[in-house]
Amino acid sequence: MSLETVVEDIRNEARERAEEIREDGQERADEIIEEAEADADEILAAKERDVENRIEREREQKLSSAKLEAKQKRLEARRDVLQQVRSDVEKRIANLGGEDREKLTRTLLDAAGEEFDSDATIKVYGRPDDEELLTDVLADYDGFEYAGERDCLGGVVVESEASRLRVNNTFDSVLEDVWEDNLQDISSRLFEQ
């Protein structure tokens, strides 16, 4: 073997080795690119999931907020209707007249009178428009006297200085009690669902 043959063999081996290294390098580069693309795909999919989740959360929050706002508006409307009904009832009570007004006034006066001793001097207050009615009614009661006006729909406020007791039997107080006791039923009837 000549030197040229040896050199040629070494060159061939070097070329083969260089080709192997280049192929290994290319394979490694292809693997790295493939891994990077897979990582990029995973990152992209994760970001897409995050965005979809954020969109879903925001949608749920807005939906929840809209439902709450609608519920509040319904409650406000119901409150307004109930207030209007109460206002209408107060007007009807204030405009109640004749025998009905006298009968209710006597009933409230009798109930208030039961709270006082029979020998007490009892002062009776009422609505300014009811002064004549109260004066006429009190003529039938011993120890009762008309003492002045109270801002109310009607009925009586009765008190005695001797016992320091005051009984509020106005139409307003009776309406308040009836209203509170029956508010749920009133609401159910008005807003049947």
N, C-alpha and C. Protein backbone atom coordinates (compact mmCIF):
# COMPACT_ATOMS: atom_id res chain seq x y z
N MET A 1 0.81 -1.17 0.00
CA MET A 1 0.00 0.00 0.00
C MET A 1 0.86 1.24 0.00
N SER A 2 0.47 2.02 -0.84
CA SER A 2 1.27 3.21 -0.98
C SER A 2 0.70 4.29 -0.07
N LEU A 3 1.45 5.25 0.03
CA LEU A 3 1.09 6.37 0.89
C LEU A 3 -0.15 7.07 0.35
N GLU A 4 -0.25 7.14 -0.91
CA GLU A 4 -1.40 7.78 -1.51
C GLU A 4 -2.66 6.98 -1.20
N THR A 5 -2.57 5.72 -1.20
CA THR A 5 -3.70 4.88 -0.90
C THR A 5 -4.08 5.07 0.55
N VAL A 6 -3.12 5.16 1.43
CA VAL A 6 -3.39 5.35 2.86
C VAL A 6 -4.05 6.72 3.05
N VAL A 7 -3.53 7.73 2.39
CA VAL A 7 -4.08 9.08 2.50
C VAL A 7 -5.51 9.06 1.98
N GLU A 8 -5.70 8.36 0.87
CA GLU A 8 -7.03 8.30 0.28
C GLU A 8 -7.97 7.57 1.21
N ASP A 9 -7.52 6.50 1.83
CA ASP A 9 -8.36 5.78 2.79
C ASP A 9 -8.73 6.68 3.97
N ILE A 10 -7.75 7.43 4.44
CA ILE A 10 -8.00 8.34 5.59
C ILE A 10 -9.01 9.41 5.16
N ARG A 11 -8.85 9.92 3.97
CA ARG A 11 -9.77 10.93 3.48
C ARG A 11 -11.16 10.34 3.35
N ASN A 12 -11.24 9.14 2.82
CA ASN A 12 -12.54 8.50 2.69
C ASN A 12 -13.18 8.27 4.06
N GLU A 13 -12.37 7.82 5.00
CA GLU A 13 -12.88 7.63 6.37
C GLU A 13 -13.32 8.96 6.95
N ALA A 14 -12.53 10.02 6.72
CA ALA A 14 -12.86 11.34 7.22
C ALA A 14 -14.17 11.83 6.59
N ARG A 15 -14.30 11.58 5.29
CA ARG A 15 -15.53 11.99 4.61
C ARG A 15 -16.72 11.20 5.17
N GLU A 16 -16.53 9.92 5.33
CA GLU A 16 -17.60 9.10 5.88
C GLU A 16 -17.96 9.58 7.28
N ARG A 17 -16.91 9.83 8.06
CA ARG A 17 -17.13 10.30 9.43
C ARG A 17 -17.82 11.66 9.42
N ALA A 18 -17.40 12.55 8.52
CA ALA A 18 -18.00 13.88 8.40
C ALA A 18 -19.47 13.74 7.99
N GLU A 19 -19.72 12.81 7.05
CA GLU A 19 -21.09 12.57 6.61
C GLU A 19 -21.94 12.05 7.76
N GLU A 20 -21.37 11.13 8.55
CA GLU A 20 -22.10 10.61 9.72
C GLU A 20 -22.40 11.72 10.71
N ILE A 21 -21.40 12.55 10.96
CA ILE A 21 -21.59 13.67 11.91
C ILE A 21 -22.65 14.62 11.37
N ARG A 22 -22.59 14.94 10.07
CA ARG A 22 -23.56 15.83 9.48
C ARG A 22 -24.96 15.22 9.57
N GLU A 23 -25.09 13.91 9.30
CA GLU A 23 -26.39 13.24 9.39
C GLU A 23 -26.90 13.24 10.82
N ASP A 24 -25.97 12.93 11.77
CA ASP A 24 -26.36 12.98 13.19
C ASP A 24 -26.80 14.39 13.58
N GLY A 25 -26.04 15.35 13.12
CA GLY A 25 -26.38 16.75 13.42
C GLY A 25 -27.72 17.13 12.82
N GLN A 26 -27.96 16.69 11.58
CA GLN A 26 -29.24 16.98 10.92
C GLN A 26 -30.38 16.31 11.68
N GLU A 27 -30.17 15.03 12.08
CA GLU A 27 -31.20 14.32 12.85
C GLU A 27 -31.48 15.05 14.16
N ARG A 28 -30.38 15.46 14.84
CA ARG A 28 -30.54 16.18 16.12
C ARG A 28 -31.26 17.50 15.88
N ALA A 29 -30.90 18.22 14.84
CA ALA A 29 -31.56 19.49 14.52
C ALA A 29 -33.03 19.26 14.23
N ASP A 30 -33.32 18.19 13.46
CA ASP A 30 -34.72 17.87 13.17
C ASP A 30 -35.49 17.55 14.45
N GLU A 31 -34.85 16.80 15.37
CA GLU A 31 -35.49 16.47 16.65
C GLU A 31 -35.75 17.74 17.45
N ILE A 32 -34.77 18.63 17.49
CA ILE A 32 -34.92 19.88 18.25
C ILE A 32 -36.06 20.72 17.65
N ILE A 33 -36.09 20.80 16.33
CA ILE A 33 -37.16 21.57 15.67
C ILE A 33 -38.52 20.94 15.96
N GLU A 34 -38.56 19.59 15.88
CA GLU A 34 -39.81 18.88 16.15
C GLU A 34 -40.27 19.11 17.59
N GLU A 35 -39.32 19.03 18.55
CA GLU A 35 -39.66 19.29 19.96
C GLU A 35 -40.12 20.73 20.16
N ALA A 36 -39.44 21.68 19.51
CA ALA A 36 -39.80 23.10 19.64
C ALA A 36 -41.20 23.34 19.06
N GLU A 37 -41.49 22.70 17.92
CA GLU A 37 -42.82 22.86 17.33
C GLU A 37 -43.89 22.24 18.22
N ALA A 38 -43.56 21.07 18.82
CA ALA A 38 -44.51 20.44 19.74
C ALA A 38 -44.74 21.32 20.96
N ASP A 39 -43.63 21.87 21.51
CA ASP A 39 -43.76 22.79 22.65
C ASP A 39 -44.59 24.01 22.26
N ALA A 40 -44.34 24.55 21.08
CA ALA A 40 -45.09 25.72 20.61
C ALA A 40 -46.56 25.38 20.48
N ASP A 41 -46.86 24.18 19.95
CA ASP A 41 -48.26 23.75 19.83
C ASP A 41 -48.92 23.63 21.20
N GLU A 42 -48.18 23.07 22.18
CA GLU A 42 -48.71 22.94 23.54
C GLU A 42 -48.96 24.31 24.17
N ILE A 43 -47.98 25.21 23.99
CA ILE A 43 -48.11 26.57 24.54
C ILE A 43 -49.31 27.26 23.89
N LEU A 44 -49.44 27.12 22.58
CA LEU A 44 -50.56 27.74 21.87
C LEU A 44 -51.89 27.16 22.36
N ALA A 45 -51.95 25.84 22.52
CA ALA A 45 -53.19 25.20 22.99
C ALA A 45 -53.51 25.66 24.41
N ALA A 46 -52.48 25.75 25.27
CA ALA A 46 -52.69 26.22 26.65
C ALA A 46 -53.19 27.65 26.66
N LYS A 47 -52.61 28.51 25.82
CA LYS A 47 -53.05 29.90 25.75
C LYS A 47 -54.49 29.98 25.24
N GLU A 48 -54.81 29.15 24.24
CA GLU A 48 -56.18 29.14 23.73
C GLU A 48 -57.16 28.72 24.82
N ARG A 49 -56.78 27.70 25.61
CA ARG A 49 -57.63 27.26 26.72
C ARG A 49 -57.79 28.37 27.75
N ASP A 50 -56.67 29.06 28.06
CA ASP A 50 -56.73 30.17 29.01
C ASP A 50 -57.67 31.27 28.52
N VAL A 51 -57.55 31.61 27.24
CA VAL A 51 -58.40 32.66 26.68
C VAL A 51 -59.86 32.21 26.71
N GLU A 52 -60.12 30.95 26.31
CA GLU A 52 -61.49 30.44 26.34
C GLU A 52 -62.04 30.44 27.77
N ASN A 53 -61.21 30.04 28.74
CA ASN A 53 -61.64 30.05 30.14
C ASN A 53 -61.93 31.47 30.62
N ARG A 54 -61.08 32.40 30.24
CA ARG A 54 -61.28 33.79 30.64
C ARG A 54 -62.57 34.33 30.03
N ILE A 55 -62.78 34.02 28.75
CA ILE A 55 -64.01 34.46 28.08
C ILE A 55 -65.23 33.86 28.78
N GLU A 56 -65.15 32.58 29.12
CA GLU A 56 -66.27 31.92 29.80
C GLU A 56 -66.53 32.55 31.18
N ARG A 57 -65.45 32.83 31.93
CA ARG A 57 -65.61 33.47 33.25
C ARG A 57 -66.24 34.85 33.11
N GLU A 58 -65.75 35.62 32.15
CA GLU A 58 -66.31 36.96 31.95
C GLU A 58 -67.76 36.88 31.51
N ARG A 59 -68.08 35.91 30.65
CA ARG A 59 -69.46 35.73 30.22
C ARG A 59 -70.34 35.38 31.42
N GLU A 60 -69.86 34.46 32.26
CA GLU A 60 -70.61 34.07 33.46
C GLU A 60 -70.78 35.25 34.40
N GLN A 61 -69.72 36.05 34.58
CA GLN A 61 -69.81 37.22 35.46
C GLN A 61 -70.82 38.23 34.92
N LYS A 62 -70.77 38.47 33.61
CA LYS A 62 -71.71 39.43 33.02
C LYS A 62 -73.14 38.90 33.10
N LEU A 63 -73.29 37.60 32.86
CA LEU A 63 -74.62 37.00 32.95
C LEU A 63 -75.14 37.10 34.38
N SER A 64 -74.27 36.77 35.33
CA SER A 64 -74.66 36.85 36.73
C SER A 64 -75.00 38.29 37.12
N SER A 65 -74.20 39.21 36.66
CA SER A 65 -74.44 40.63 36.95
C SER A 65 -75.75 41.08 36.33
N ALA A 66 -76.03 40.64 35.10
CA ALA A 66 -77.28 41.01 34.44
C ALA A 66 -78.48 40.42 35.17
N LYS A 67 -78.34 39.16 35.62
CA LYS A 67 -79.44 38.53 36.37
C LYS A 67 -79.68 39.28 37.67
N LEU A 68 -78.60 39.65 38.36
CA LEU A 68 -78.74 40.39 39.62
C LEU A 68 -79.40 41.74 39.37
N GLU A 69 -78.98 42.42 38.32
CA GLU A 69 -79.57 43.72 38.01
C GLU A 69 -81.05 43.58 37.67
N ALA A 70 -81.39 42.54 36.91
CA ALA A 70 -82.80 42.30 36.57
C ALA A 70 -83.60 42.00 37.83
N LYS A 71 -83.03 41.21 38.72
CA LYS A 71 -83.72 40.88 39.98
C LYS A 71 -83.93 42.14 40.81
N GLN A 72 -82.91 43.00 40.87
CA GLN A 72 -83.04 44.25 41.62
C GLN A 72 -84.13 45.14 41.01
N LYS A 73 -84.16 45.20 39.68
CA LYS A 73 -85.19 46.02 39.04
C LYS A 73 -86.59 45.45 39.30
N ARG A 74 -86.71 44.10 39.29
CA ARG A 74 -88.00 43.49 39.62
C ARG A 74 -88.40 43.83 41.05
N LEU A 75 -87.43 43.73 41.97
CA LEU A 75 -87.73 44.05 43.38
C LEU A 75 -88.11 45.51 43.54
N GLU A 76 -87.41 46.39 42.83
CA GLU A 76 -87.75 47.82 42.89
C GLU A 76 -89.15 48.05 42.35
N ALA A 77 -89.47 47.38 41.24
CA ALA A 77 -90.81 47.54 40.66
C ALA A 77 -91.87 47.02 41.62
N ARG A 78 -91.59 45.88 42.25
CA ARG A 78 -92.53 45.34 43.23
C ARG A 78 -92.69 46.28 44.41
N ARG A 79 -91.56 46.81 44.88
CA ARG A 79 -91.60 47.76 46.00
C ARG A 79 -92.44 48.97 45.62
N ASP A 80 -92.26 49.47 44.37
CA ASP A 80 -93.03 50.62 43.91
C ASP A 80 -94.53 50.29 43.84
N VAL A 81 -94.85 49.10 43.35
CA VAL A 81 -96.26 48.69 43.27
C VAL A 81 -96.85 48.58 44.67
N LEU A 82 -96.10 47.94 45.58
CA LEU A 82 -96.59 47.81 46.96
C LEU A 82 -96.78 49.18 47.61
N GLN A 83 -95.85 50.10 47.34
CA GLN A 83 -95.98 51.45 47.89
C GLN A 83 -97.20 52.15 47.31
N GLN A 84 -97.45 51.94 46.02
CA GLN A 84 -98.63 52.54 45.38
C GLN A 84 -99.91 51.96 45.97
N VAL A 85 -99.93 50.64 46.17
CA VAL A 85 -101.11 50.00 46.78
C VAL A 85 -101.33 50.57 48.17
N ARG A 86 -100.25 50.68 48.94
CA ARG A 86 -100.39 51.22 50.30
C ARG A 86 -100.89 52.67 50.25
N SER A 87 -100.35 53.43 49.35
CA SER A 87 -100.77 54.82 49.22
C SER A 87 -102.26 54.90 48.85
N ASP A 88 -102.69 54.02 47.95
CA ASP A 88 -104.12 53.98 47.57
C ASP A 88 -105.00 53.60 48.77
N VAL A 89 -104.53 52.63 49.56
CA VAL A 89 -105.27 52.22 50.75
C VAL A 89 -105.36 53.38 51.74
N GLU A 90 -104.25 54.09 51.93
CA GLU A 90 -104.25 55.24 52.85
C GLU A 90 -105.24 56.31 52.39
N LYS A 91 -105.30 56.55 51.07
CA LYS A 91 -106.24 57.55 50.54
C LYS A 91 -107.68 57.11 50.80
N ARG A 92 -107.95 55.83 50.56
CA ARG A 92 -109.31 55.33 50.79
C ARG A 92 -109.68 55.42 52.27
N ILE A 93 -108.71 55.12 53.13
CA ILE A 93 -108.98 55.22 54.57
C ILE A 93 -109.20 56.67 54.96
N ALA A 94 -108.37 57.57 54.45
CA ALA A 94 -108.50 58.99 54.78
C ALA A 94 -109.85 59.54 54.31
N ASN A 95 -110.34 59.01 53.20
CA ASN A 95 -111.61 59.51 52.64
C ASN A 95 -112.83 58.76 53.15
N LEU A 96 -112.61 57.79 54.03
CA LEU A 96 -113.72 57.04 54.61
C LEU A 96 -114.61 58.01 55.37
N GLY A 97 -115.88 57.91 55.20
CA GLY A 97 -116.74 58.88 55.85
C GLY A 97 -117.98 58.26 56.47
N GLY A 98 -118.82 59.13 56.99
CA GLY A 98 -120.13 58.74 57.51
C GLY A 98 -120.09 57.73 58.63
N GLU A 99 -121.04 56.80 58.57
CA GLU A 99 -121.20 55.81 59.63
C GLU A 99 -119.99 54.90 59.76
N ASP A 100 -119.38 54.56 58.64
CA ASP A 100 -118.21 53.68 58.70
C ASP A 100 -117.09 54.33 59.51
N ARG A 101 -116.85 55.61 59.26
CA ARG A 101 -115.79 56.31 59.99
C ARG A 101 -116.14 56.41 61.47
N GLU A 102 -117.38 56.71 61.77
CA GLU A 102 -117.80 56.81 63.17
C GLU A 102 -117.68 55.46 63.86
N LYS A 103 -118.14 54.41 63.21
CA LYS A 103 -118.10 53.07 63.81
C LYS A 103 -116.65 52.65 64.10
N LEU A 104 -115.74 52.86 63.11
CA LEU A 104 -114.32 52.51 63.32
C LEU A 104 -113.71 53.36 64.44
N THR A 105 -114.06 54.64 64.47
CA THR A 105 -113.52 55.53 65.51
C THR A 105 -113.98 55.06 66.89
N ARG A 106 -115.26 54.71 67.02
CA ARG A 106 -115.77 54.21 68.31
C ARG A 106 -115.06 52.90 68.70
N THR A 107 -114.87 52.01 67.75
CA THR A 107 -114.21 50.73 68.04
C THR A 107 -112.78 50.98 68.55
N LEU A 108 -112.07 51.87 67.90
CA LEU A 108 -110.70 52.17 68.31
C LEU A 108 -110.67 52.89 69.66
N LEU A 109 -111.65 53.75 69.88
CA LEU A 109 -111.74 54.47 71.16
C LEU A 109 -112.06 53.51 72.30
N ASP A 110 -112.99 52.56 72.06
CA ASP A 110 -113.32 51.55 73.07
C ASP A 110 -112.10 50.70 73.41
N ALA A 111 -111.38 50.28 72.40
CA ALA A 111 -110.19 49.44 72.63
C ALA A 111 -109.14 50.21 73.40
N ALA A 112 -108.95 51.48 73.10
CA ALA A 112 -107.96 52.29 73.82
C ALA A 112 -108.42 52.54 75.25
N GLY A 113 -109.73 52.77 75.44
CA GLY A 113 -110.26 53.05 76.78
C GLY A 113 -110.06 51.90 77.74
N GLU A 114 -109.99 50.68 77.24
CA GLU A 114 -109.80 49.51 78.10
C GLU A 114 -108.45 49.52 78.81
N GLU A 115 -107.51 50.31 78.31
CA GLU A 115 -106.16 50.37 78.88
C GLU A 115 -106.09 51.28 80.11
N PHE A 116 -107.15 52.06 80.37
CA PHE A 116 -107.10 53.06 81.43
C PHE A 116 -108.05 52.69 82.56
N ASP A 117 -107.74 53.21 83.74
CA ASP A 117 -108.65 53.03 84.88
C ASP A 117 -109.95 53.78 84.58
N SER A 118 -111.05 53.29 85.16
CA SER A 118 -112.36 53.86 84.86
C SER A 118 -112.51 55.29 85.39
N ASP A 119 -111.73 55.66 86.39
CA ASP A 119 -111.86 57.02 86.94
C ASP A 119 -110.83 58.00 86.36
N ALA A 120 -110.05 57.57 85.39
CA ALA A 120 -109.02 58.43 84.81
C ALA A 120 -109.65 59.46 83.88
N THR A 121 -109.00 60.63 83.83
CA THR A 121 -109.39 61.63 82.85
C THR A 121 -108.56 61.35 81.61
N ILE A 122 -109.26 61.14 80.52
CA ILE A 122 -108.59 60.67 79.30
C ILE A 122 -108.70 61.74 78.23
N LYS A 123 -107.54 62.07 77.66
CA LYS A 123 -107.48 63.05 76.59
C LYS A 123 -107.41 62.31 75.26
N VAL A 124 -108.19 62.81 74.33
CA VAL A 124 -108.28 62.15 73.02
C VAL A 124 -107.84 63.13 71.94
N TYR A 125 -106.94 62.65 71.09
CA TYR A 125 -106.44 63.44 69.96
C TYR A 125 -106.84 62.72 68.68
N GLY A 126 -107.04 63.51 67.63
CA GLY A 126 -107.42 62.90 66.35
C GLY A 126 -107.08 63.78 65.17
N ARG A 127 -107.48 63.32 64.04
CA ARG A 127 -107.23 64.03 62.78
C ARG A 127 -107.99 65.36 62.80
N PRO A 128 -107.38 66.42 62.30
CA PRO A 128 -108.06 67.73 62.32
C PRO A 128 -109.46 67.70 61.69
N ASP A 129 -109.62 66.96 60.60
CA ASP A 129 -110.93 66.89 59.93
C ASP A 129 -111.96 66.12 60.75
N ASP A 130 -111.51 65.37 61.76
CA ASP A 130 -112.41 64.56 62.58
C ASP A 130 -112.81 65.24 63.90
N GLU A 131 -112.45 66.50 64.08
CA GLU A 131 -112.73 67.17 65.36
C GLU A 131 -114.22 67.12 65.70
N GLU A 132 -115.07 67.44 64.76
CA GLU A 132 -116.51 67.42 65.02
C GLU A 132 -116.99 66.01 65.35
N LEU A 133 -116.55 65.05 64.56
CA LEU A 133 -116.92 63.65 64.80
C LEU A 133 -116.47 63.23 66.20
N LEU A 134 -115.23 63.52 66.56
CA LEU A 134 -114.71 63.12 67.88
C LEU A 134 -115.47 63.81 69.00
N THR A 135 -115.76 65.07 68.85
CA THR A 135 -116.51 65.80 69.88
C THR A 135 -117.88 65.16 70.09
N ASP A 136 -118.57 64.80 68.99
CA ASP A 136 -119.88 64.15 69.09
C ASP A 136 -119.76 62.78 69.74
N VAL A 137 -118.78 62.00 69.34
CA VAL A 137 -118.61 60.65 69.87
C VAL A 137 -118.23 60.70 71.35
N LEU A 138 -117.33 61.62 71.72
CA LEU A 138 -116.86 61.70 73.11
C LEU A 138 -117.96 62.13 74.07
N ALA A 139 -119.05 62.70 73.57
CA ALA A 139 -120.18 63.07 74.43
C ALA A 139 -120.78 61.81 75.07
N ASP A 140 -120.56 60.65 74.45
CA ASP A 140 -121.08 59.39 74.98
C ASP A 140 -120.12 58.70 75.96
N TYR A 141 -118.98 59.29 76.21
CA TYR A 141 -117.96 58.66 77.07
C TYR A 141 -117.66 59.56 78.26
N ASP A 142 -117.83 59.01 79.48
CA ASP A 142 -117.51 59.77 80.69
C ASP A 142 -116.01 59.80 80.89
N GLY A 143 -115.49 60.97 81.24
CA GLY A 143 -114.06 61.12 81.54
C GLY A 143 -113.19 61.28 80.32
N PHE A 144 -113.79 61.29 79.14
CA PHE A 144 -113.02 61.47 77.90
C PHE A 144 -113.25 62.90 77.42
N GLU A 145 -112.16 63.53 76.93
CA GLU A 145 -112.32 64.88 76.38
C GLU A 145 -111.41 65.06 75.16
N TYR A 146 -111.91 65.83 74.21
CA TYR A 146 -111.13 66.11 73.00
C TYR A 146 -110.01 67.06 73.41
N ALA A 147 -108.74 66.70 73.03
CA ALA A 147 -107.60 67.49 73.48
C ALA A 147 -106.83 68.14 72.34
N GLY A 148 -107.12 67.79 71.11
CA GLY A 148 -106.40 68.45 70.01
C GLY A 148 -106.17 67.54 68.82
N GLU A 149 -105.30 68.02 67.95
CA GLU A 149 -105.07 67.36 66.68
C GLU A 149 -103.81 66.49 66.68
N ARG A 150 -103.87 65.46 65.88
CA ARG A 150 -102.71 64.61 65.58
C ARG A 150 -102.70 64.40 64.07
N ASP A 151 -101.53 64.36 63.51
CA ASP A 151 -101.39 64.12 62.07
C ASP A 151 -101.55 62.63 61.82
N CYS A 152 -102.71 62.25 61.33
CA CYS A 152 -103.00 60.84 61.08
C CYS A 152 -104.14 60.74 60.08
N LEU A 153 -104.42 59.51 59.66
CA LEU A 153 -105.51 59.26 58.71
C LEU A 153 -106.87 59.26 59.38
N GLY A 154 -106.87 59.10 60.66
CA GLY A 154 -108.11 59.00 61.44
C GLY A 154 -107.86 58.14 62.65
N GLY A 155 -108.93 57.85 63.40
CA GLY A 155 -108.76 57.10 64.63
C GLY A 155 -108.40 58.02 65.77
N VAL A 156 -107.79 57.46 66.80
CA VAL A 156 -107.52 58.26 68.00
C VAL A 156 -106.16 57.94 68.61
N VAL A 157 -105.63 58.95 69.27
CA VAL A 157 -104.49 58.78 70.19
C VAL A 157 -105.05 59.18 71.54
N VAL A 158 -104.96 58.27 72.49
CA VAL A 158 -105.58 58.46 73.80
C VAL A 158 -104.50 58.42 74.85
N GLU A 159 -104.58 59.39 75.82
CA GLU A 159 -103.57 59.39 76.88
C GLU A 159 -104.18 59.91 78.17
N SER A 160 -103.49 59.57 79.23
CA SER A 160 -103.91 60.01 80.55
C SER A 160 -102.66 60.46 81.28
N GLU A 161 -102.71 61.67 81.83
CA GLU A 161 -101.55 62.18 82.58
C GLU A 161 -101.37 61.40 83.86
N ALA A 162 -102.45 60.95 84.45
CA ALA A 162 -102.37 60.24 85.72
C ALA A 162 -101.58 58.94 85.58
N SER A 163 -101.75 58.23 84.49
CA SER A 163 -101.07 56.95 84.34
C SER A 163 -99.88 57.03 83.38
N ARG A 164 -99.68 58.21 82.80
CA ARG A 164 -98.60 58.40 81.83
C ARG A 164 -98.63 57.35 80.72
N LEU A 165 -99.80 56.99 80.34
CA LEU A 165 -99.98 55.98 79.31
C LEU A 165 -100.54 56.64 78.06
N ARG A 166 -100.03 56.22 76.92
CA ARG A 166 -100.54 56.72 75.64
C ARG A 166 -100.82 55.51 74.76
N VAL A 167 -102.01 55.50 74.16
CA VAL A 167 -102.41 54.42 73.26
C VAL A 167 -102.64 55.04 71.89
N ASN A 168 -101.92 54.52 70.92
CA ASN A 168 -102.05 55.00 69.56
C ASN A 168 -102.95 54.03 68.80
N ASN A 169 -104.21 54.40 68.68
CA ASN A 169 -105.18 53.60 67.93
C ASN A 169 -105.65 54.40 66.71
N THR A 170 -104.68 54.88 65.97
CA THR A 170 -105.02 55.61 64.75
C THR A 170 -105.20 54.61 63.61
N PHE A 171 -105.86 55.06 62.56
CA PHE A 171 -105.99 54.21 61.37
C PHE A 171 -104.60 53.87 60.84
N ASP A 172 -103.67 54.83 61.00
CA ASP A 172 -102.30 54.62 60.52
C ASP A 172 -101.66 53.43 61.24
N SER A 173 -101.80 53.40 62.57
CA SER A 173 -101.15 52.32 63.34
C SER A 173 -101.81 50.98 63.06
N VAL A 174 -103.13 50.98 62.89
CA VAL A 174 -103.83 49.73 62.56
C VAL A 174 -103.40 49.26 61.17
N LEU A 175 -103.35 50.19 60.21
CA LEU A 175 -102.90 49.84 58.86
C LEU A 175 -101.48 49.29 58.90
N GLU A 176 -100.62 49.92 59.66
CA GLU A 176 -99.23 49.46 59.76
C GLU A 176 -99.16 48.02 60.26
N ASP A 177 -99.92 47.74 61.31
CA ASP A 177 -99.94 46.36 61.86
C ASP A 177 -100.49 45.36 60.84
N VAL A 178 -101.61 45.72 60.22
CA VAL A 178 -102.22 44.82 59.23
C VAL A 178 -101.29 44.65 58.04
N TRP A 179 -100.69 45.74 57.60
CA TRP A 179 -99.77 45.70 56.45
C TRP A 179 -98.60 44.77 56.74
N GLU A 180 -97.96 44.95 57.89
CA GLU A 180 -96.80 44.12 58.24
C GLU A 180 -97.19 42.65 58.39
N ASP A 181 -98.34 42.42 59.03
CA ASP A 181 -98.78 41.03 59.23
C ASP A 181 -99.15 40.32 57.93
N ASN A 182 -99.57 41.09 56.93
CA ASN A 182 -100.09 40.49 55.69
C ASN A 182 -99.27 40.82 54.46
N LEU A 183 -98.10 41.43 54.63
CA LEU A 183 -97.30 41.86 53.49
C LEU A 183 -96.95 40.70 52.57
N GLN A 184 -96.59 39.57 53.14
CA GLN A 184 -96.24 38.40 52.32
C GLN A 184 -97.43 37.95 51.48
N ASP A 185 -98.60 37.90 52.09
CA ASP A 185 -99.81 37.49 51.37
C ASP A 185 -100.18 38.52 50.30
N ILE A 186 -100.06 39.79 50.63
CA ILE A 186 -100.35 40.86 49.66
C ILE A 186 -99.41 40.73 48.47
N SER A 187 -98.15 40.56 48.77
CA SER A 187 -97.15 40.43 47.72
C SER A 187 -97.41 39.21 46.85
N SER A 188 -97.76 38.10 47.47
CA SER A 188 -98.05 36.87 46.72
C SER A 188 -99.24 37.06 45.80
N ARG A 189 -100.25 37.73 46.29
CA ARG A 189 -101.44 37.93 45.44
C ARG A 189 -101.16 38.88 44.29
N LEU A 190 -100.36 39.91 44.55
CA LEU A 190 -100.06 40.88 43.50
C LEU A 190 -99.10 40.30 42.46
N PHE A 191 -98.19 39.47 42.92
CA PHE A 191 -97.12 39.00 42.03
C PHE A 191 -97.11 37.47 41.91
N GLU A 192 -98.28 36.89 41.72
CA GLU A 192 -98.36 35.43 41.55
C GLU A 192 -97.46 35.02 40.40
N GLN A 193 -96.73 33.92 40.63
CA GLN A 193 -95.79 33.49 39.59
C GLN A 193 -96.12 32.10 39.11
